[in-house]
Amino acid sequence: MNFRNQVSTGLLMILGLTACQSNPTGNQTLTTSSTEGIEETEPAQVFPDDYAQVCNGIAFTPAATYTSTTGEVHPLYVFDREKDTDAFSKSYRSLPDGWEKSWEESQATQLVACLTVTQETLANSCEFPPDEGETEAYVLETYNTNYAVEIYAANSGEQLDNTTFEIQGAECPMFHMFTEGEYTDTSSADYSQALLEFVKPYVQPDV
């Protein structure tokens, strides 16, 4: 035991001398260093429905900034509602290639178009024969529809333009898919073509 203690004492003295020699001031100091880890967090995933607030003039800051540039496509999401007391819902009507981003790329969207039904009048009442074994006919009602329309820069919530559409209801189709158990359905006038013409100067400016 004594031998081990002496060896340990000798080693401590040698280490102490070495420490003094390596410090030109002769002061024995203990320097410690630590690196604080910087916690990096991934940005929260953005989804198409998150853009609905823009229709109420509320900026959605995670969205890409809109700056009108000739020859470029500025991606758009479209929202609509049946009356002004309803919440806006994402529209899934077809848009030209490149105009709408998939949900995985939602954050690249720059523009939001919003449509509200302001008036409807019956255009056609379309009757379809009952299924085999049934007695009640199926009825589809199509409506002439007026819409209030706005387009916003998503990132800032700035309204860029607004207009109204007055669109005639569709003629009776040869076929219509009814919800199971439902014998009546309604159809507002399709605003797709009118919307494309209205938003194109913002989505894909060519002059």
N, C-alpha and C. Protein backbone atom coordinates (compact mmCIF):
# COMPACT_ATOMS: atom_id res chain seq x y z
N MET A 1 0.82 -1.20 0.00
CA MET A 1 0.00 0.00 0.00
C MET A 1 0.86 1.25 0.00
N ASN A 2 1.96 1.26 0.82
CA ASN A 2 2.81 2.45 0.89
C ASN A 2 3.46 2.72 -0.44
N PHE A 3 3.93 1.68 -1.11
CA PHE A 3 4.59 1.84 -2.41
C PHE A 3 3.64 2.50 -3.40
N ARG A 4 2.41 2.04 -3.41
CA ARG A 4 1.43 2.61 -4.32
C ARG A 4 1.16 4.08 -3.99
N ASN A 5 1.14 4.43 -2.71
CA ASN A 5 0.89 5.82 -2.33
C ASN A 5 2.04 6.72 -2.75
N GLN A 6 3.27 6.21 -2.61
CA GLN A 6 4.43 7.01 -3.00
C GLN A 6 4.45 7.24 -4.50
N VAL A 7 4.17 6.22 -5.24
CA VAL A 7 4.14 6.36 -6.69
C VAL A 7 3.08 7.38 -7.10
N SER A 8 1.94 7.30 -6.48
CA SER A 8 0.86 8.23 -6.82
C SER A 8 1.26 9.65 -6.50
N THR A 9 1.98 9.83 -5.33
CA THR A 9 2.42 11.18 -4.94
C THR A 9 3.42 11.72 -5.93
N GLY A 10 4.35 10.84 -6.36
CA GLY A 10 5.36 11.25 -7.34
C GLY A 10 4.73 11.66 -8.65
N LEU A 11 3.78 10.94 -9.09
CA LEU A 11 3.12 11.25 -10.35
C LEU A 11 2.42 12.59 -10.27
N LEU A 12 1.78 12.86 -9.15
CA LEU A 12 1.07 14.12 -8.98
C LEU A 12 2.05 15.28 -9.03
N MET A 13 3.26 15.11 -8.41
CA MET A 13 4.26 16.18 -8.42
C MET A 13 4.75 16.45 -9.84
N ILE A 14 5.02 15.38 -10.60
CA ILE A 14 5.49 15.53 -11.98
C ILE A 14 4.45 16.23 -12.83
N LEU A 15 3.17 15.83 -12.67
CA LEU A 15 2.10 16.45 -13.44
C LEU A 15 1.96 17.91 -13.08
N GLY A 16 2.15 18.24 -11.78
CA GLY A 16 2.06 19.62 -11.35
C GLY A 16 3.15 20.46 -11.95
N LEU A 17 4.41 19.93 -11.98
CA LEU A 17 5.53 20.66 -12.58
C LEU A 17 5.31 20.88 -14.06
N THR A 18 4.80 19.86 -14.73
CA THR A 18 4.56 19.97 -16.17
C THR A 18 3.53 21.05 -16.45
N ALA A 19 2.52 21.12 -15.61
CA ALA A 19 1.48 22.13 -15.80
C ALA A 19 2.05 23.52 -15.63
N CYS A 20 2.97 23.69 -14.64
CA CYS A 20 3.58 25.01 -14.42
C CYS A 20 4.47 25.41 -15.57
N GLN A 21 5.22 24.47 -16.11
CA GLN A 21 6.11 24.77 -17.23
C GLN A 21 5.34 25.16 -18.48
N SER A 22 4.16 24.58 -18.66
CA SER A 22 3.40 24.87 -19.85
C SER A 22 2.65 26.20 -19.74
N ASN A 23 2.64 26.80 -18.53
CA ASN A 23 1.97 28.07 -18.33
C ASN A 23 3.02 29.13 -18.11
N PRO A 24 3.32 30.00 -19.08
CA PRO A 24 4.41 30.95 -18.95
C PRO A 24 4.23 31.93 -17.82
N THR A 25 3.09 32.16 -17.31
CA THR A 25 2.90 33.11 -16.21
C THR A 25 3.18 32.48 -14.87
N GLY A 26 3.29 31.18 -14.86
CA GLY A 26 3.53 30.49 -13.61
C GLY A 26 2.29 30.27 -12.79
N ASN A 27 1.19 30.81 -13.24
CA ASN A 27 -0.06 30.61 -12.51
C ASN A 27 -0.68 29.30 -12.94
N GLN A 28 -1.09 28.55 -12.00
CA GLN A 28 -1.76 27.30 -12.32
C GLN A 28 -3.25 27.59 -12.48
N THR A 29 -3.70 27.43 -13.68
CA THR A 29 -5.12 27.70 -13.95
C THR A 29 -5.75 26.47 -14.57
N LEU A 30 -7.02 26.35 -14.34
CA LEU A 30 -7.78 25.26 -14.93
C LEU A 30 -8.77 25.86 -15.92
N THR A 31 -8.57 25.52 -17.17
CA THR A 31 -9.43 26.07 -18.21
C THR A 31 -10.38 24.99 -18.70
N THR A 32 -11.61 25.32 -18.69
CA THR A 32 -12.60 24.37 -19.20
C THR A 32 -13.35 25.04 -20.34
N SER A 33 -13.74 24.25 -21.25
CA SER A 33 -14.52 24.77 -22.37
C SER A 33 -15.68 23.84 -22.64
N SER A 34 -16.76 24.43 -23.05
CA SER A 34 -17.93 23.63 -23.38
C SER A 34 -18.62 24.26 -24.57
N THR A 35 -19.19 23.44 -25.38
CA THR A 35 -19.93 23.92 -26.53
C THR A 35 -21.39 23.65 -26.30
N GLU A 36 -22.15 24.72 -26.26
CA GLU A 36 -23.58 24.54 -26.08
C GLU A 36 -24.21 24.11 -27.39
N GLY A 37 -24.96 23.04 -27.36
CA GLY A 37 -25.61 22.55 -28.57
C GLY A 37 -26.71 23.50 -29.03
N ILE A 38 -26.75 23.76 -30.31
CA ILE A 38 -27.80 24.60 -30.89
C ILE A 38 -28.88 23.69 -31.43
N GLU A 39 -30.04 23.82 -30.85
CA GLU A 39 -31.14 22.95 -31.25
C GLU A 39 -31.77 23.47 -32.54
N GLU A 40 -31.69 22.68 -33.53
CA GLU A 40 -32.28 23.05 -34.81
C GLU A 40 -33.61 22.33 -34.99
N THR A 41 -34.62 23.08 -35.30
CA THR A 41 -35.93 22.48 -35.49
C THR A 41 -36.37 22.63 -36.93
N GLU A 42 -36.98 21.60 -37.42
CA GLU A 42 -37.51 21.64 -38.78
C GLU A 42 -38.74 22.55 -38.82
N PRO A 43 -38.89 23.33 -39.89
CA PRO A 43 -40.09 24.16 -39.98
C PRO A 43 -41.35 23.29 -40.01
N ALA A 44 -42.42 23.80 -39.40
CA ALA A 44 -43.66 23.04 -39.35
C ALA A 44 -44.20 22.81 -40.77
N GLN A 45 -44.78 21.64 -40.99
CA GLN A 45 -45.34 21.33 -42.30
C GLN A 45 -46.54 22.23 -42.57
N VAL A 46 -46.59 22.77 -43.78
CA VAL A 46 -47.70 23.62 -44.20
C VAL A 46 -48.64 22.79 -45.06
N PHE A 47 -49.95 22.98 -44.86
CA PHE A 47 -50.96 22.25 -45.61
C PHE A 47 -51.85 23.23 -46.37
N PRO A 48 -52.48 22.78 -47.47
CA PRO A 48 -53.34 23.68 -48.25
C PRO A 48 -54.41 24.36 -47.42
N ASP A 49 -55.08 23.63 -46.52
CA ASP A 49 -56.16 24.22 -45.73
C ASP A 49 -55.68 25.37 -44.85
N ASP A 50 -54.37 25.42 -44.55
CA ASP A 50 -53.85 26.51 -43.72
C ASP A 50 -54.03 27.87 -44.38
N TYR A 51 -54.19 27.87 -45.70
CA TYR A 51 -54.29 29.13 -46.44
C TYR A 51 -55.69 29.75 -46.39
N ALA A 52 -56.66 29.06 -45.80
CA ALA A 52 -58.03 29.56 -45.77
C ALA A 52 -58.13 30.92 -45.08
N GLN A 53 -57.28 31.17 -44.09
CA GLN A 53 -57.35 32.43 -43.34
C GLN A 53 -57.09 33.64 -44.23
N VAL A 54 -56.38 33.44 -45.34
CA VAL A 54 -56.08 34.56 -46.23
C VAL A 54 -57.37 35.13 -46.82
N CYS A 55 -58.38 34.29 -46.99
CA CYS A 55 -59.66 34.76 -47.53
C CYS A 55 -60.35 35.76 -46.60
N ASN A 56 -59.90 35.81 -45.35
CA ASN A 56 -60.41 36.79 -44.39
C ASN A 56 -59.44 37.94 -44.21
N GLY A 57 -58.48 38.07 -45.13
CA GLY A 57 -57.52 39.16 -45.07
C GLY A 57 -56.42 38.98 -44.06
N ILE A 58 -56.23 37.75 -43.58
CA ILE A 58 -55.20 37.46 -42.58
C ILE A 58 -53.98 36.88 -43.27
N ALA A 59 -52.85 37.53 -43.13
CA ALA A 59 -51.62 37.07 -43.78
C ALA A 59 -51.23 35.68 -43.30
N PHE A 60 -50.74 34.87 -44.22
CA PHE A 60 -50.19 33.55 -43.87
C PHE A 60 -48.69 33.62 -44.16
N THR A 61 -47.92 33.99 -43.14
CA THR A 61 -46.51 34.32 -43.35
C THR A 61 -45.62 33.16 -43.80
N PRO A 62 -45.97 31.88 -43.53
CA PRO A 62 -45.12 30.82 -44.08
C PRO A 62 -45.18 30.70 -45.60
N ALA A 63 -46.16 31.34 -46.23
CA ALA A 63 -46.30 31.25 -47.69
C ALA A 63 -45.17 31.96 -48.40
N ALA A 64 -44.92 31.57 -49.64
CA ALA A 64 -43.91 32.24 -50.44
C ALA A 64 -44.37 33.66 -50.79
N THR A 65 -43.41 34.57 -50.88
CA THR A 65 -43.72 35.97 -51.19
C THR A 65 -44.11 36.11 -52.65
N TYR A 66 -45.15 36.92 -52.88
CA TYR A 66 -45.62 37.16 -54.25
C TYR A 66 -45.01 38.43 -54.81
N THR A 67 -44.34 38.29 -55.95
CA THR A 67 -43.87 39.43 -56.73
C THR A 67 -44.16 39.10 -58.19
N SER A 68 -45.03 39.87 -58.81
CA SER A 68 -45.45 39.58 -60.18
C SER A 68 -44.25 39.64 -61.12
N THR A 69 -44.01 38.53 -61.81
CA THR A 69 -42.87 38.43 -62.73
C THR A 69 -43.35 37.83 -64.04
N THR A 70 -43.14 38.57 -65.13
CA THR A 70 -43.58 38.12 -66.44
C THR A 70 -42.94 36.79 -66.80
N GLY A 71 -43.76 35.86 -67.30
CA GLY A 71 -43.26 34.57 -67.76
C GLY A 71 -43.14 33.53 -66.67
N GLU A 72 -43.35 33.90 -65.41
CA GLU A 72 -43.28 32.93 -64.32
C GLU A 72 -44.68 32.55 -63.85
N VAL A 73 -44.79 31.37 -63.25
CA VAL A 73 -46.05 30.93 -62.67
C VAL A 73 -46.00 31.17 -61.17
N HIS A 74 -47.03 31.84 -60.65
CA HIS A 74 -47.15 32.12 -59.22
C HIS A 74 -48.26 31.23 -58.67
N PRO A 75 -47.91 30.14 -57.97
CA PRO A 75 -48.88 29.12 -57.59
C PRO A 75 -50.05 29.66 -56.76
N LEU A 76 -51.19 29.01 -56.97
CA LEU A 76 -52.47 29.48 -56.43
C LEU A 76 -53.22 28.36 -55.74
N TYR A 77 -53.91 28.69 -54.64
CA TYR A 77 -54.93 27.82 -54.06
C TYR A 77 -56.27 28.53 -54.17
N VAL A 78 -57.34 27.76 -54.38
CA VAL A 78 -58.69 28.31 -54.52
C VAL A 78 -59.55 27.79 -53.38
N PHE A 79 -60.32 28.71 -52.77
CA PHE A 79 -61.25 28.36 -51.70
C PHE A 79 -62.63 28.90 -52.07
N ASP A 80 -63.69 28.19 -51.65
CA ASP A 80 -65.03 28.69 -51.91
C ASP A 80 -65.95 28.37 -50.73
N ARG A 81 -67.14 28.98 -50.76
CA ARG A 81 -68.15 28.74 -49.72
C ARG A 81 -69.52 29.07 -50.29
N GLU A 82 -70.57 28.46 -49.72
CA GLU A 82 -71.91 28.59 -50.26
C GLU A 82 -72.65 29.83 -49.77
N LYS A 83 -72.19 30.41 -48.64
CA LYS A 83 -72.76 31.68 -48.16
C LYS A 83 -71.73 32.35 -47.26
N ASP A 84 -71.94 33.63 -47.01
CA ASP A 84 -70.90 34.39 -46.33
C ASP A 84 -70.75 34.07 -44.85
N THR A 85 -71.64 33.26 -44.31
CA THR A 85 -71.50 32.83 -42.92
C THR A 85 -70.76 31.51 -42.79
N ASP A 86 -70.47 30.85 -43.91
CA ASP A 86 -69.74 29.58 -43.91
C ASP A 86 -68.23 29.83 -43.84
N ALA A 87 -67.51 28.81 -43.42
CA ALA A 87 -66.06 28.83 -43.51
C ALA A 87 -65.65 28.51 -44.95
N PHE A 88 -64.53 29.05 -45.39
CA PHE A 88 -64.01 28.73 -46.71
C PHE A 88 -63.43 27.32 -46.72
N SER A 89 -63.69 26.59 -47.81
CA SER A 89 -63.16 25.23 -47.99
C SER A 89 -62.28 25.19 -49.23
N LYS A 90 -61.27 24.37 -49.19
CA LYS A 90 -60.37 24.20 -50.33
C LYS A 90 -61.14 23.64 -51.51
N SER A 91 -61.01 24.27 -52.67
CA SER A 91 -61.63 23.77 -53.90
C SER A 91 -60.66 22.82 -54.61
N TYR A 92 -61.22 21.76 -55.16
CA TYR A 92 -60.38 20.80 -55.89
C TYR A 92 -60.77 20.75 -57.36
N ARG A 93 -61.32 21.85 -57.87
CA ARG A 93 -61.57 21.95 -59.31
C ARG A 93 -60.23 21.99 -60.03
N SER A 94 -60.22 21.48 -61.24
CA SER A 94 -58.98 21.37 -62.01
C SER A 94 -58.42 22.74 -62.38
N LEU A 95 -57.10 22.89 -62.24
CA LEU A 95 -56.38 24.09 -62.65
C LEU A 95 -55.31 23.70 -63.66
N PRO A 96 -54.85 24.64 -64.47
CA PRO A 96 -53.79 24.32 -65.45
C PRO A 96 -52.53 23.77 -64.76
N ASP A 97 -51.77 22.99 -65.51
CA ASP A 97 -50.55 22.38 -64.96
C ASP A 97 -49.64 23.45 -64.38
N GLY A 98 -49.15 23.19 -63.18
CA GLY A 98 -48.20 24.08 -62.54
C GLY A 98 -48.82 25.19 -61.72
N TRP A 99 -50.14 25.39 -61.86
CA TRP A 99 -50.77 26.49 -61.13
C TRP A 99 -50.99 26.16 -59.66
N GLU A 100 -51.15 24.90 -59.33
CA GLU A 100 -51.43 24.51 -57.95
C GLU A 100 -50.38 23.53 -57.46
N LYS A 101 -49.84 23.79 -56.25
CA LYS A 101 -48.84 22.92 -55.66
C LYS A 101 -49.50 21.76 -54.91
N SER A 102 -48.82 20.62 -54.89
CA SER A 102 -49.27 19.50 -54.08
C SER A 102 -49.12 19.86 -52.60
N TRP A 103 -49.74 19.09 -51.73
CA TRP A 103 -49.67 19.43 -50.31
C TRP A 103 -48.25 19.38 -49.79
N GLU A 104 -47.41 18.53 -50.37
CA GLU A 104 -46.01 18.46 -49.91
C GLU A 104 -45.25 19.74 -50.21
N GLU A 105 -45.70 20.49 -51.22
CA GLU A 105 -45.02 21.73 -51.61
C GLU A 105 -45.88 22.95 -51.31
N SER A 106 -46.78 22.82 -50.35
CA SER A 106 -47.74 23.89 -50.06
C SER A 106 -47.09 25.23 -49.79
N GLN A 107 -45.92 25.21 -49.16
CA GLN A 107 -45.29 26.46 -48.75
C GLN A 107 -44.86 27.32 -49.93
N ALA A 108 -44.80 26.75 -51.13
CA ALA A 108 -44.41 27.51 -52.32
C ALA A 108 -45.58 28.31 -52.91
N THR A 109 -46.79 28.11 -52.37
CA THR A 109 -47.97 28.82 -52.88
C THR A 109 -47.88 30.31 -52.56
N GLN A 110 -48.22 31.15 -53.55
CA GLN A 110 -48.10 32.59 -53.39
C GLN A 110 -49.44 33.32 -53.38
N LEU A 111 -50.46 32.74 -54.02
CA LEU A 111 -51.74 33.43 -54.20
C LEU A 111 -52.90 32.60 -53.68
N VAL A 112 -53.95 33.28 -53.27
CA VAL A 112 -55.18 32.62 -52.83
C VAL A 112 -56.37 33.32 -53.49
N ALA A 113 -57.23 32.55 -54.14
CA ALA A 113 -58.48 33.07 -54.71
C ALA A 113 -59.65 32.56 -53.87
N CYS A 114 -60.62 33.43 -53.61
CA CYS A 114 -61.72 33.10 -52.71
C CYS A 114 -63.04 33.44 -53.37
N LEU A 115 -63.99 32.51 -53.34
CA LEU A 115 -65.30 32.72 -53.97
C LEU A 115 -66.42 32.45 -52.97
N THR A 116 -67.38 33.36 -52.94
CA THR A 116 -68.55 33.23 -52.07
C THR A 116 -69.81 33.33 -52.91
N VAL A 117 -70.72 32.36 -52.76
CA VAL A 117 -72.00 32.43 -53.46
C VAL A 117 -72.82 33.55 -52.82
N THR A 118 -73.30 34.49 -53.66
CA THR A 118 -74.10 35.61 -53.15
C THR A 118 -75.57 35.50 -53.55
N GLN A 119 -75.87 34.76 -54.62
CA GLN A 119 -77.26 34.60 -55.05
C GLN A 119 -77.38 33.38 -55.95
N GLU A 120 -78.49 32.66 -55.82
CA GLU A 120 -78.76 31.51 -56.69
C GLU A 120 -80.23 31.50 -57.08
N THR A 121 -80.49 31.16 -58.33
CA THR A 121 -81.86 30.96 -58.81
C THR A 121 -81.89 29.65 -59.59
N LEU A 122 -83.01 28.93 -59.46
CA LEU A 122 -83.13 27.62 -60.10
C LEU A 122 -83.07 27.75 -61.62
N ALA A 123 -82.20 26.96 -62.22
CA ALA A 123 -82.07 26.95 -63.69
C ALA A 123 -82.80 25.75 -64.27
N ASN A 124 -82.53 24.55 -63.75
CA ASN A 124 -83.14 23.33 -64.28
C ASN A 124 -83.41 22.33 -63.16
N SER A 125 -84.51 21.62 -63.29
CA SER A 125 -84.81 20.52 -62.39
C SER A 125 -84.76 19.23 -63.21
N CYS A 126 -83.76 18.42 -62.95
CA CYS A 126 -83.47 17.26 -63.80
C CYS A 126 -83.91 15.98 -63.08
N GLU A 127 -84.82 15.24 -63.69
CA GLU A 127 -85.35 14.03 -63.07
C GLU A 127 -84.73 12.80 -63.70
N PHE A 128 -84.34 11.86 -62.83
CA PHE A 128 -83.76 10.59 -63.26
C PHE A 128 -84.64 9.45 -62.75
N PRO A 129 -84.84 8.42 -63.54
CA PRO A 129 -85.75 7.33 -63.15
C PRO A 129 -85.25 6.61 -61.90
N PRO A 130 -86.18 6.04 -61.14
CA PRO A 130 -85.79 5.31 -59.93
C PRO A 130 -85.04 4.03 -60.28
N ASP A 131 -84.24 3.58 -59.34
CA ASP A 131 -83.55 2.31 -59.52
C ASP A 131 -84.57 1.16 -59.50
N GLU A 132 -84.14 0.02 -60.00
CA GLU A 132 -85.03 -1.15 -60.03
C GLU A 132 -85.50 -1.48 -58.61
N GLY A 133 -86.79 -1.64 -58.47
CA GLY A 133 -87.38 -1.96 -57.18
C GLY A 133 -87.71 -0.75 -56.34
N GLU A 134 -87.41 0.45 -56.85
CA GLU A 134 -87.73 1.67 -56.13
C GLU A 134 -88.83 2.43 -56.87
N THR A 135 -89.50 3.31 -56.17
CA THR A 135 -90.58 4.10 -56.78
C THR A 135 -90.26 5.58 -56.85
N GLU A 136 -89.31 6.03 -56.03
CA GLU A 136 -89.01 7.47 -55.98
C GLU A 136 -87.95 7.84 -57.01
N ALA A 137 -88.23 8.86 -57.80
CA ALA A 137 -87.28 9.32 -58.81
C ALA A 137 -86.19 10.16 -58.16
N TYR A 138 -85.07 10.27 -58.84
CA TYR A 138 -83.95 11.11 -58.40
C TYR A 138 -84.05 12.48 -59.10
N VAL A 139 -83.74 13.54 -58.36
CA VAL A 139 -83.85 14.89 -58.91
C VAL A 139 -82.56 15.67 -58.65
N LEU A 140 -82.03 16.25 -59.73
CA LEU A 140 -80.89 17.14 -59.63
C LEU A 140 -81.34 18.56 -60.00
N GLU A 141 -81.11 19.50 -59.11
CA GLU A 141 -81.43 20.90 -59.38
C GLU A 141 -80.15 21.67 -59.68
N THR A 142 -80.11 22.33 -60.84
CA THR A 142 -78.96 23.16 -61.19
C THR A 142 -79.36 24.63 -61.04
N TYR A 143 -78.39 25.46 -60.64
CA TYR A 143 -78.71 26.85 -60.30
C TYR A 143 -77.83 27.84 -61.07
N ASN A 144 -78.48 28.95 -61.49
CA ASN A 144 -77.71 30.12 -61.91
C ASN A 144 -77.09 30.71 -60.64
N THR A 145 -75.80 31.06 -60.72
CA THR A 145 -75.10 31.42 -59.48
C THR A 145 -74.30 32.70 -59.65
N ASN A 146 -74.42 33.60 -58.67
CA ASN A 146 -73.57 34.78 -58.58
C ASN A 146 -72.51 34.56 -57.51
N TYR A 147 -71.29 34.93 -57.83
CA TYR A 147 -70.18 34.78 -56.90
C TYR A 147 -69.50 36.13 -56.66
N ALA A 148 -69.08 36.35 -55.41
CA ALA A 148 -68.14 37.42 -55.10
C ALA A 148 -66.75 36.79 -55.07
N VAL A 149 -65.79 37.41 -55.75
CA VAL A 149 -64.48 36.80 -55.95
C VAL A 149 -63.37 37.77 -55.54
N GLU A 150 -62.39 37.27 -54.80
CA GLU A 150 -61.21 38.06 -54.45
C GLU A 150 -59.96 37.23 -54.69
N ILE A 151 -58.84 37.92 -54.94
CA ILE A 151 -57.55 37.25 -55.03
C ILE A 151 -56.58 38.00 -54.12
N TYR A 152 -55.82 37.23 -53.35
CA TYR A 152 -54.91 37.78 -52.34
C TYR A 152 -53.48 37.29 -52.55
N ALA A 153 -52.53 38.12 -52.11
CA ALA A 153 -51.16 37.65 -51.92
C ALA A 153 -51.12 36.95 -50.56
N ALA A 154 -50.80 35.67 -50.56
CA ALA A 154 -50.95 34.86 -49.34
C ALA A 154 -50.05 35.34 -48.21
N ASN A 155 -48.81 35.64 -48.51
CA ASN A 155 -47.83 35.97 -47.49
C ASN A 155 -48.17 37.25 -46.74
N SER A 156 -48.73 38.23 -47.43
CA SER A 156 -49.03 39.53 -46.81
C SER A 156 -50.50 39.70 -46.46
N GLY A 157 -51.39 38.91 -47.07
CA GLY A 157 -52.82 39.08 -46.87
C GLY A 157 -53.40 40.25 -47.65
N GLU A 158 -52.61 40.83 -48.55
CA GLU A 158 -53.07 41.98 -49.34
C GLU A 158 -54.03 41.53 -50.44
N GLN A 159 -55.18 42.19 -50.53
CA GLN A 159 -56.11 41.90 -51.62
C GLN A 159 -55.60 42.58 -52.89
N LEU A 160 -55.42 41.79 -53.94
CA LEU A 160 -54.89 42.30 -55.20
C LEU A 160 -55.99 42.74 -56.16
N ASP A 161 -57.15 42.10 -56.07
CA ASP A 161 -58.24 42.42 -57.00
C ASP A 161 -59.51 41.75 -56.51
N ASN A 162 -60.65 42.19 -57.04
CA ASN A 162 -61.92 41.55 -56.73
C ASN A 162 -62.88 41.76 -57.89
N THR A 163 -63.88 40.90 -57.98
CA THR A 163 -64.85 40.99 -59.06
C THR A 163 -66.09 40.19 -58.67
N THR A 164 -67.05 40.09 -59.58
CA THR A 164 -68.22 39.22 -59.39
C THR A 164 -68.42 38.38 -60.65
N PHE A 165 -68.93 37.18 -60.46
CA PHE A 165 -69.29 36.31 -61.58
C PHE A 165 -70.81 36.11 -61.55
N GLU A 166 -71.44 36.13 -62.72
CA GLU A 166 -72.85 35.74 -62.87
C GLU A 166 -72.87 34.61 -63.89
N ILE A 167 -73.04 33.37 -63.43
CA ILE A 167 -72.84 32.20 -64.28
C ILE A 167 -74.14 31.40 -64.38
N GLN A 168 -74.46 31.01 -65.61
CA GLN A 168 -75.67 30.24 -65.87
C GLN A 168 -75.50 28.79 -65.40
N GLY A 169 -76.59 28.24 -64.85
CA GLY A 169 -76.56 26.85 -64.41
C GLY A 169 -76.46 25.89 -65.57
N ALA A 170 -75.96 24.71 -65.28
CA ALA A 170 -75.75 23.70 -66.32
C ALA A 170 -77.07 23.13 -66.81
N GLU A 171 -77.05 22.66 -68.06
CA GLU A 171 -78.18 21.90 -68.58
C GLU A 171 -78.22 20.54 -67.88
N CYS A 172 -79.35 19.86 -68.00
CA CYS A 172 -79.47 18.55 -67.37
C CYS A 172 -78.49 17.55 -67.99
N PRO A 173 -77.67 16.89 -67.18
CA PRO A 173 -76.72 15.92 -67.71
C PRO A 173 -77.40 14.58 -68.00
N MET A 174 -76.73 13.75 -68.78
CA MET A 174 -77.27 12.42 -69.05
C MET A 174 -77.17 11.53 -67.82
N PHE A 175 -76.11 11.74 -67.03
CA PHE A 175 -75.90 10.92 -65.84
C PHE A 175 -75.52 11.85 -64.67
N HIS A 176 -75.82 11.39 -63.46
CA HIS A 176 -75.38 12.11 -62.26
C HIS A 176 -75.25 11.12 -61.13
N MET A 177 -74.18 11.26 -60.35
CA MET A 177 -73.95 10.37 -59.22
C MET A 177 -74.57 10.97 -57.96
N PHE A 178 -75.54 10.27 -57.40
CA PHE A 178 -76.19 10.72 -56.17
C PHE A 178 -75.58 10.02 -54.96
N THR A 179 -75.59 10.70 -53.82
CA THR A 179 -75.16 10.09 -52.58
C THR A 179 -76.13 8.97 -52.20
N GLU A 180 -75.59 7.86 -51.76
CA GLU A 180 -76.44 6.72 -51.41
C GLU A 180 -77.47 7.13 -50.36
N GLY A 181 -78.72 6.81 -50.64
CA GLY A 181 -79.81 7.13 -49.72
C GLY A 181 -80.41 8.51 -49.95
N GLU A 182 -79.81 9.31 -50.84
CA GLU A 182 -80.33 10.64 -51.13
C GLU A 182 -80.97 10.64 -52.52
N TYR A 183 -82.16 11.27 -52.62
CA TYR A 183 -82.87 11.29 -53.90
C TYR A 183 -82.83 12.66 -54.57
N THR A 184 -82.31 13.65 -53.88
CA THR A 184 -82.18 14.98 -54.48
C THR A 184 -80.75 15.48 -54.30
N ASP A 185 -80.32 16.31 -55.24
CA ASP A 185 -79.00 16.92 -55.17
C ASP A 185 -79.09 18.29 -55.84
N THR A 186 -78.19 19.18 -55.47
CA THR A 186 -78.15 20.53 -56.05
C THR A 186 -76.77 20.79 -56.62
N SER A 187 -76.71 21.65 -57.62
CA SER A 187 -75.44 21.97 -58.27
C SER A 187 -75.37 23.46 -58.60
N SER A 188 -74.43 24.15 -57.97
CA SER A 188 -74.19 25.55 -58.31
C SER A 188 -73.49 25.62 -59.66
N ALA A 189 -73.58 26.77 -60.33
CA ALA A 189 -72.94 26.93 -61.63
C ALA A 189 -71.42 26.82 -61.49
N ASP A 190 -70.80 26.19 -62.47
CA ASP A 190 -69.36 25.97 -62.46
C ASP A 190 -68.61 27.27 -62.79
N TYR A 191 -67.80 27.72 -61.84
CA TYR A 191 -67.08 28.99 -62.02
C TYR A 191 -65.68 28.81 -62.63
N SER A 192 -65.29 27.59 -62.97
CA SER A 192 -63.91 27.29 -63.33
C SER A 192 -63.35 28.19 -64.43
N GLN A 193 -64.04 28.29 -65.56
CA GLN A 193 -63.51 29.04 -66.69
C GLN A 193 -63.43 30.54 -66.38
N ALA A 194 -64.45 31.06 -65.74
CA ALA A 194 -64.43 32.48 -65.38
C ALA A 194 -63.29 32.79 -64.41
N LEU A 195 -63.05 31.87 -63.49
CA LEU A 195 -61.96 32.08 -62.53
C LEU A 195 -60.61 32.08 -63.22
N LEU A 196 -60.39 31.15 -64.14
CA LEU A 196 -59.11 31.09 -64.84
C LEU A 196 -58.82 32.41 -65.55
N GLU A 197 -59.82 32.97 -66.19
CA GLU A 197 -59.61 34.21 -66.91
C GLU A 197 -59.31 35.37 -65.96
N PHE A 198 -59.95 35.35 -64.79
CA PHE A 198 -59.76 36.43 -63.83
C PHE A 198 -58.38 36.39 -63.18
N VAL A 199 -57.91 35.19 -62.79
CA VAL A 199 -56.65 35.10 -62.03
C VAL A 199 -55.40 34.99 -62.90
N LYS A 200 -55.55 34.68 -64.18
CA LYS A 200 -54.38 34.45 -65.02
C LYS A 200 -53.38 35.60 -65.02
N PRO A 201 -53.80 36.87 -65.07
CA PRO A 201 -52.81 37.94 -65.07
C PRO A 201 -51.94 37.98 -63.81
N TYR A 202 -52.42 37.35 -62.74
CA TYR A 202 -51.66 37.30 -61.48
C TYR A 202 -50.86 36.01 -61.37
N VAL A 203 -51.47 34.91 -61.78
CA VAL A 203 -50.80 33.62 -61.67
C VAL A 203 -49.72 33.46 -62.74
N GLN A 204 -50.02 33.86 -63.94
CA GLN A 204 -49.07 33.68 -65.05
C GLN A 204 -49.07 34.93 -65.94
N PRO A 205 -48.51 36.02 -65.44
CA PRO A 205 -48.50 37.28 -66.22
C PRO A 205 -47.66 37.11 -67.49
N ASP A 206 -48.19 37.58 -68.61
CA ASP A 206 -47.46 37.45 -69.87
C ASP A 206 -47.15 38.79 -70.52
N VAL A 207 -47.47 39.88 -69.85
CA VAL A 207 -47.12 41.20 -70.35
C VAL A 207 -46.58 42.07 -69.22
